[in-house]
Amino acid sequence: MFDPQRLLGRLDELGIAHRTVEHPPVFTVEEAKTVRGDLPGHHIKNLFLRNRKEEMWLVVALEDRTIDLKRLGERLGAGKFSFGSPDRLRRHLGVEPGSVTPLAVINDPSHQVRLVLDRGLAVGDGPINAHPLVNSMTTALSLADLLRFFEATGHTPEWLDFPV
């Protein structure tokens, strides 16, 4: 499993420009808003979900989106969603609760987690702000570079219009 330093090193290897800031650990969008200061760009929330068939999804949406899990499951053809357990999160994405991030797909080399992105992330030209595997740092990178990162990990995102 990757840790933050190894992840940031991998971004460097891929030629992906990024900027990381440290801050107190945050566990919710509301907490993140109080400590992030004046970081420009899109701020996100990330949901690690599973269905009854034990299939898993990582849903990345703009932080203020309201997400109806029932409707989301229907839209994705997944059936009923529930949140993945902390153990499942650690096993498949190598992160702790509160540190879920799109960058965690680097810890899913077997591609068991499906990636879903909010189409709103493509609006504007500011960076995407995400945790680099821990909730005490935030890393900013462009959408184009984030997509290159996904390609390097073998994860092809599905784009979805929110709210669902």
C-alpha atoms as a PDB file:
ATOM      1  CA  MET A   1       0.000   0.000   0.000  1.00  0.00           C
ATOM      2  CA  PHE A   2       1.106   3.530  -0.764  1.00  0.00           C
ATOM      3  CA  ASP A   3       1.535   6.128   1.967  1.00  0.00           C
ATOM      4  CA  PRO A   4       1.379   9.903   1.364  1.00  0.00           C
ATOM      5  CA  GLN A   5       5.097  10.345   0.680  1.00  0.00           C
ATOM      6  CA  ARG A   6       5.200   7.475  -1.789  1.00  0.00           C
ATOM      7  CA  LEU A   7       2.012   8.756  -3.470  1.00  0.00           C
ATOM      8  CA  LEU A   8       3.452  12.261  -3.871  1.00  0.00           C
ATOM      9  CA  GLY A   9       6.637  10.709  -5.246  1.00  0.00           C
ATOM     10  CA  ARG A  10       4.569   8.797  -7.780  1.00  0.00           C
ATOM     11  CA  LEU A  11       2.866  12.036  -8.851  1.00  0.00           C
ATOM     12  CA  ASP A  12       6.338  13.505  -9.386  1.00  0.00           C
ATOM     13  CA  GLU A  13       7.384  10.445 -11.430  1.00  0.00           C
ATOM     14  CA  LEU A  14       4.316  10.924 -13.633  1.00  0.00           C
ATOM     15  CA  GLY A  15       5.170  14.608 -14.158  1.00  0.00           C
ATOM     16  CA  ILE A  16       1.996  15.683 -12.373  1.00  0.00           C
ATOM     17  CA  ALA A  17       2.186  19.147 -10.858  1.00  0.00           C
ATOM     18  CA  HIS A  18       0.771  19.276  -7.344  1.00  0.00           C
ATOM     19  CA  ARG A  19       0.787  21.418  -4.255  1.00  0.00           C
ATOM     20  CA  THR A  20       0.261  19.948  -0.796  1.00  0.00           C
ATOM     21  CA  VAL A  21      -0.552  21.756   2.436  1.00  0.00           C
ATOM     22  CA  GLU A  22      -0.711  20.329   5.938  1.00  0.00           C
ATOM     23  CA  HIS A  23      -3.538  21.082   8.373  1.00  0.00           C
ATOM     24  CA  PRO A  24      -5.206  19.541  11.416  1.00  0.00           C
ATOM     25  CA  PRO A  25      -7.000  16.247  10.621  1.00  0.00           C
ATOM     26  CA  VAL A  26     -10.527  16.707   9.273  1.00  0.00           C
ATOM     27  CA  PHE A  27     -13.301  14.117   9.151  1.00  0.00           C
ATOM     28  CA  THR A  28     -16.179  16.007   7.553  1.00  0.00           C
ATOM     29  CA  VAL A  29     -16.741  18.610   4.848  1.00  0.00           C
ATOM     30  CA  GLU A  30     -17.731  21.084   7.566  1.00  0.00           C
ATOM     31  CA  GLU A  31     -14.436  20.561   9.417  1.00  0.00           C
ATOM     32  CA  ALA A  32     -12.480  20.899   6.171  1.00  0.00           C
ATOM     33  CA  LYS A  33     -14.129  24.234   5.452  1.00  0.00           C
ATOM     34  CA  THR A  34     -12.893  25.608   8.787  1.00  0.00           C
ATOM     35  CA  VAL A  35      -9.218  24.646   8.352  1.00  0.00           C
ATOM     36  CA  ARG A  36      -8.471  24.934   4.653  1.00  0.00           C
ATOM     37  CA  GLY A  37      -8.011  28.664   4.562  1.00  0.00           C
ATOM     38  CA  ASP A  38      -8.085  30.165   1.084  1.00  0.00           C
ATOM     39  CA  LEU A  39      -7.314  27.102  -1.059  1.00  0.00           C
ATOM     40  CA  PRO A  40      -8.689  27.831  -4.544  1.00  0.00           C
ATOM     41  CA  GLY A  41     -10.439  25.293  -6.733  1.00  0.00           C
ATOM     42  CA  HIS A  42     -12.905  22.475  -6.269  1.00  0.00           C
ATOM     43  CA  HIS A  43     -13.289  20.878  -2.877  1.00  0.00           C
ATOM     44  CA  ILE A  44     -14.741  17.387  -2.842  1.00  0.00           C
ATOM     45  CA  LYS A  45     -16.408  14.748  -0.772  1.00  0.00           C
ATOM     46  CA  ASN A  46     -15.730  11.087  -1.341  1.00  0.00           C
ATOM     47  CA  LEU A  47     -18.021   8.168  -0.630  1.00  0.00           C
ATOM     48  CA  PHE A  48     -16.785   4.582  -0.447  1.00  0.00           C
ATOM     49  CA  LEU A  49     -19.834   2.459  -1.204  1.00  0.00           C
ATOM     50  CA  ARG A  50     -20.735  -1.171  -1.717  1.00  0.00           C
ATOM     51  CA  ASN A  51     -23.807  -3.016  -2.877  1.00  0.00           C
ATOM     52  CA  ARG A  52     -25.334  -6.362  -1.901  1.00  0.00           C
ATOM     53  CA  LYS A  53     -23.184  -8.151  -4.482  1.00  0.00           C
ATOM     54  CA  GLU A  54     -20.084  -6.914  -2.629  1.00  0.00           C
ATOM     55  CA  GLU A  55     -19.147  -4.615  -5.556  1.00  0.00           C
ATOM     56  CA  MET A  56     -17.481  -1.358  -4.546  1.00  0.00           C
ATOM     57  CA  TRP A  57     -17.555   2.237  -5.761  1.00  0.00           C
ATOM     58  CA  LEU A  58     -15.647   5.380  -4.964  1.00  0.00           C
ATOM     59  CA  VAL A  59     -17.892   8.359  -5.650  1.00  0.00           C
ATOM     60  CA  VAL A  60     -16.193  11.759  -5.887  1.00  0.00           C
ATOM     61  CA  ALA A  61     -18.512  14.776  -5.862  1.00  0.00           C
ATOM     62  CA  LEU A  62     -18.338  18.491  -5.231  1.00  0.00           C
ATOM     63  CA  GLU A  63     -18.401  18.992  -1.471  1.00  0.00           C
ATOM     64  CA  ASP A  64     -21.833  20.630  -1.277  1.00  0.00           C
ATOM     65  CA  ARG A  65     -23.699  18.072  -3.393  1.00  0.00           C
ATOM     66  CA  THR A  66     -26.611  16.260  -1.832  1.00  0.00           C
ATOM     67  CA  ILE A  67     -26.373  12.585  -2.707  1.00  0.00           C
ATOM     68  CA  ASP A  68     -29.343  10.254  -2.443  1.00  0.00           C
ATOM     69  CA  LEU A  69     -27.796   6.778  -2.142  1.00  0.00           C
ATOM     70  CA  LYS A  70     -30.952   5.037  -3.339  1.00  0.00           C
ATOM     71  CA  ARG A  71     -31.169   7.112  -6.505  1.00  0.00           C
ATOM     72  CA  LEU A  72     -27.403   6.888  -7.022  1.00  0.00           C
ATOM     73  CA  GLY A  73     -27.552   3.093  -6.856  1.00  0.00           C
ATOM     74  CA  GLU A  74     -30.377   3.091  -9.390  1.00  0.00           C
ATOM     75  CA  ARG A  75     -28.517   5.465 -11.748  1.00  0.00           C
ATOM     76  CA  LEU A  76     -25.411   3.287 -11.647  1.00  0.00           C
ATOM     77  CA  GLY A  77     -27.346   0.027 -11.978  1.00  0.00           C
ATOM     78  CA  ALA A  78     -25.870  -1.100  -8.681  1.00  0.00           C
ATOM     79  CA  GLY A  79     -29.020  -1.670  -6.655  1.00  0.00           C
ATOM     80  CA  LYS A  80     -28.996  -0.677  -3.016  1.00  0.00           C
ATOM     81  CA  PHE A  81     -25.864   1.057  -1.768  1.00  0.00           C
ATOM     82  CA  SER A  82     -24.456   1.121   1.735  1.00  0.00           C
ATOM     83  CA  PHE A  83     -21.234   2.561   3.050  1.00  0.00           C
ATOM     84  CA  GLY A  84     -18.216   0.263   2.959  1.00  0.00           C
ATOM     85  CA  SER A  85     -16.893  -0.771   6.364  1.00  0.00           C
ATOM     86  CA  PRO A  86     -13.647   0.661   7.721  1.00  0.00           C
ATOM     87  CA  ASP A  87     -12.024  -2.759   7.277  1.00  0.00           C
ATOM     88  CA  ARG A  88     -13.123  -2.964   3.640  1.00  0.00           C
ATOM     89  CA  LEU A  89     -11.906   0.611   3.093  1.00  0.00           C
ATOM     90  CA  ARG A  90      -8.474  -0.236   4.500  1.00  0.00           C
ATOM     91  CA  ARG A  91      -8.272  -3.472   2.510  1.00  0.00           C
ATOM     92  CA  HIS A  92      -9.269  -2.033  -0.875  1.00  0.00           C
ATOM     93  CA  LEU A  93      -8.082   1.590  -0.785  1.00  0.00           C
ATOM     94  CA  GLY A  94      -5.503   1.567   2.007  1.00  0.00           C
ATOM     95  CA  VAL A  95      -6.976   4.540   3.865  1.00  0.00           C
ATOM     96  CA  GLU A  96      -8.745   5.193   7.141  1.00  0.00           C
ATOM     97  CA  PRO A  97     -12.255   6.609   7.496  1.00  0.00           C
ATOM     98  CA  GLY A  98     -12.077  10.380   7.020  1.00  0.00           C
ATOM     99  CA  SER A  99      -9.232  10.025   4.520  1.00  0.00           C
ATOM    100  CA  VAL A 100     -11.186   8.700   1.540  1.00  0.00           C
ATOM    101  CA  THR A 101      -9.831  10.295  -1.621  1.00  0.00           C
ATOM    102  CA  PRO A 102      -9.765   9.691  -5.363  1.00  0.00           C
ATOM    103  CA  LEU A 103      -5.981   9.347  -5.039  1.00  0.00           C
ATOM    104  CA  ALA A 104      -6.540   6.112  -3.059  1.00  0.00           C
ATOM    105  CA  VAL A 105      -7.207   4.201  -6.288  1.00  0.00           C
ATOM    106  CA  ILE A 106      -3.421   3.842  -6.397  1.00  0.00           C
ATOM    107  CA  ASN A 107      -3.942   1.203  -3.684  1.00  0.00           C
ATOM    108  CA  ASP A 108      -6.416  -0.756  -5.847  1.00  0.00           C
ATOM    109  CA  PRO A 109      -4.181  -2.477  -8.424  1.00  0.00           C
ATOM    110  CA  SER A 110      -6.780  -5.211  -9.016  1.00  0.00           C
ATOM    111  CA  HIS A 111      -9.383  -2.590 -10.011  1.00  0.00           C
ATOM    112  CA  GLN A 112     -12.065  -3.848  -7.653  1.00  0.00           C
ATOM    113  CA  VAL A 113     -13.311  -0.336  -6.917  1.00  0.00           C
ATOM    114  CA  ARG A 114     -15.288   1.503  -9.589  1.00  0.00           C
ATOM    115  CA  LEU A 115     -14.651   5.223  -9.814  1.00  0.00           C
ATOM    116  CA  VAL A 116     -17.497   7.719 -10.318  1.00  0.00           C
ATOM    117  CA  LEU A 117     -16.849  11.442 -10.790  1.00  0.00           C
ATOM    118  CA  ASP A 118     -19.211  14.376 -10.527  1.00  0.00           C
ATOM    119  CA  ARG A 119     -19.356  16.094 -13.922  1.00  0.00           C
ATOM    120  CA  GLY A 120     -19.284  19.385 -11.988  1.00  0.00           C
ATOM    121  CA  LEU A 121     -15.566  18.783 -11.385  1.00  0.00           C
ATOM    122  CA  ALA A 122     -14.993  19.614 -15.065  1.00  0.00           C
ATOM    123  CA  VAL A 123     -16.526  23.080 -14.717  1.00  0.00           C
ATOM    124  CA  GLY A 124     -14.013  25.901 -14.354  1.00  0.00           C
ATOM    125  CA  ASP A 125     -10.265  25.702 -14.470  1.00  0.00           C
ATOM    126  CA  GLY A 126      -9.285  25.614 -10.802  1.00  0.00           C
ATOM    127  CA  PRO A 127      -7.534  22.644  -9.230  1.00  0.00           C
ATOM    128  CA  ILE A 128      -9.139  19.662  -7.547  1.00  0.00           C
ATOM    129  CA  ASN A 129      -8.286  19.474  -3.841  1.00  0.00           C
ATOM    130  CA  ALA A 130      -7.986  15.974  -2.380  1.00  0.00           C
ATOM    131  CA  HIS A 131      -6.384  14.259   0.586  1.00  0.00           C
ATOM    132  CA  PRO A 132      -3.133  12.480  -0.275  1.00  0.00           C
ATOM    133  CA  LEU A 133      -4.245   9.313   1.608  1.00  0.00           C
ATOM    134  CA  VAL A 134      -4.441  11.057   5.002  1.00  0.00           C
ATOM    135  CA  ASN A 135      -6.876  13.682   6.270  1.00  0.00           C
ATOM    136  CA  SER A 136      -4.166  15.960   7.673  1.00  0.00           C
ATOM    137  CA  MET A 137      -3.045  17.169   4.241  1.00  0.00           C
ATOM    138  CA  THR A 138      -4.668  18.456   1.073  1.00  0.00           C
ATOM    139  CA  THR A 139      -3.147  18.136  -2.370  1.00  0.00           C
ATOM    140  CA  ALA A 140      -4.229  20.351  -5.271  1.00  0.00           C
ATOM    141  CA  LEU A 141      -3.845  19.157  -8.852  1.00  0.00           C
ATOM    142  CA  SER A 142      -5.493  19.996 -12.145  1.00  0.00           C
ATOM    143  CA  LEU A 143      -8.355  17.913 -13.461  1.00  0.00           C
ATOM    144  CA  ALA A 144      -6.238  16.966 -16.488  1.00  0.00           C
ATOM    145  CA  ASP A 145      -3.483  15.715 -14.199  1.00  0.00           C
ATOM    146  CA  LEU A 146      -5.962  13.866 -11.981  1.00  0.00           C
ATOM    147  CA  LEU A 147      -7.292  12.104 -15.078  1.00  0.00           C
ATOM    148  CA  ARG A 148      -3.720  11.221 -16.108  1.00  0.00           C
ATOM    149  CA  PHE A 149      -3.212   9.781 -12.624  1.00  0.00           C
ATOM    150  CA  PHE A 150      -6.343   7.642 -12.994  1.00  0.00           C
ATOM    151  CA  GLU A 151      -5.093   6.434 -16.368  1.00  0.00           C
ATOM    152  CA  ALA A 152      -1.737   5.500 -14.824  1.00  0.00           C
ATOM    153  CA  THR A 153      -3.531   3.438 -12.173  1.00  0.00           C
ATOM    154  CA  GLY A 154      -5.787   1.772 -14.742  1.00  0.00           C
ATOM    155  CA  HIS A 155      -8.979   3.311 -13.354  1.00  0.00           C
ATOM    156  CA  THR A 156     -11.366   4.756 -15.919  1.00  0.00           C
ATOM    157  CA  PRO A 157     -13.841   7.077 -14.221  1.00  0.00           C
ATOM    158  CA  GLU A 158     -17.537   7.110 -14.986  1.00  0.00           C
ATOM    159  CA  TRP A 159     -18.901  10.664 -15.161  1.00  0.00           C
ATOM    160  CA  LEU A 160     -22.273  11.393 -13.627  1.00  0.00           C
ATOM    161  CA  ASP A 161     -24.429  14.506 -13.393  1.00  0.00           C
ATOM    162  CA  PHE A 162     -25.260  15.398  -9.800  1.00  0.00           C
ATOM    163  CA  PRO A 163     -27.508  15.708  -7.965  1.00  0.00           C
ATOM    164  CA  VAL A 164     -28.933  12.278  -8.628  1.00  0.00           C
END
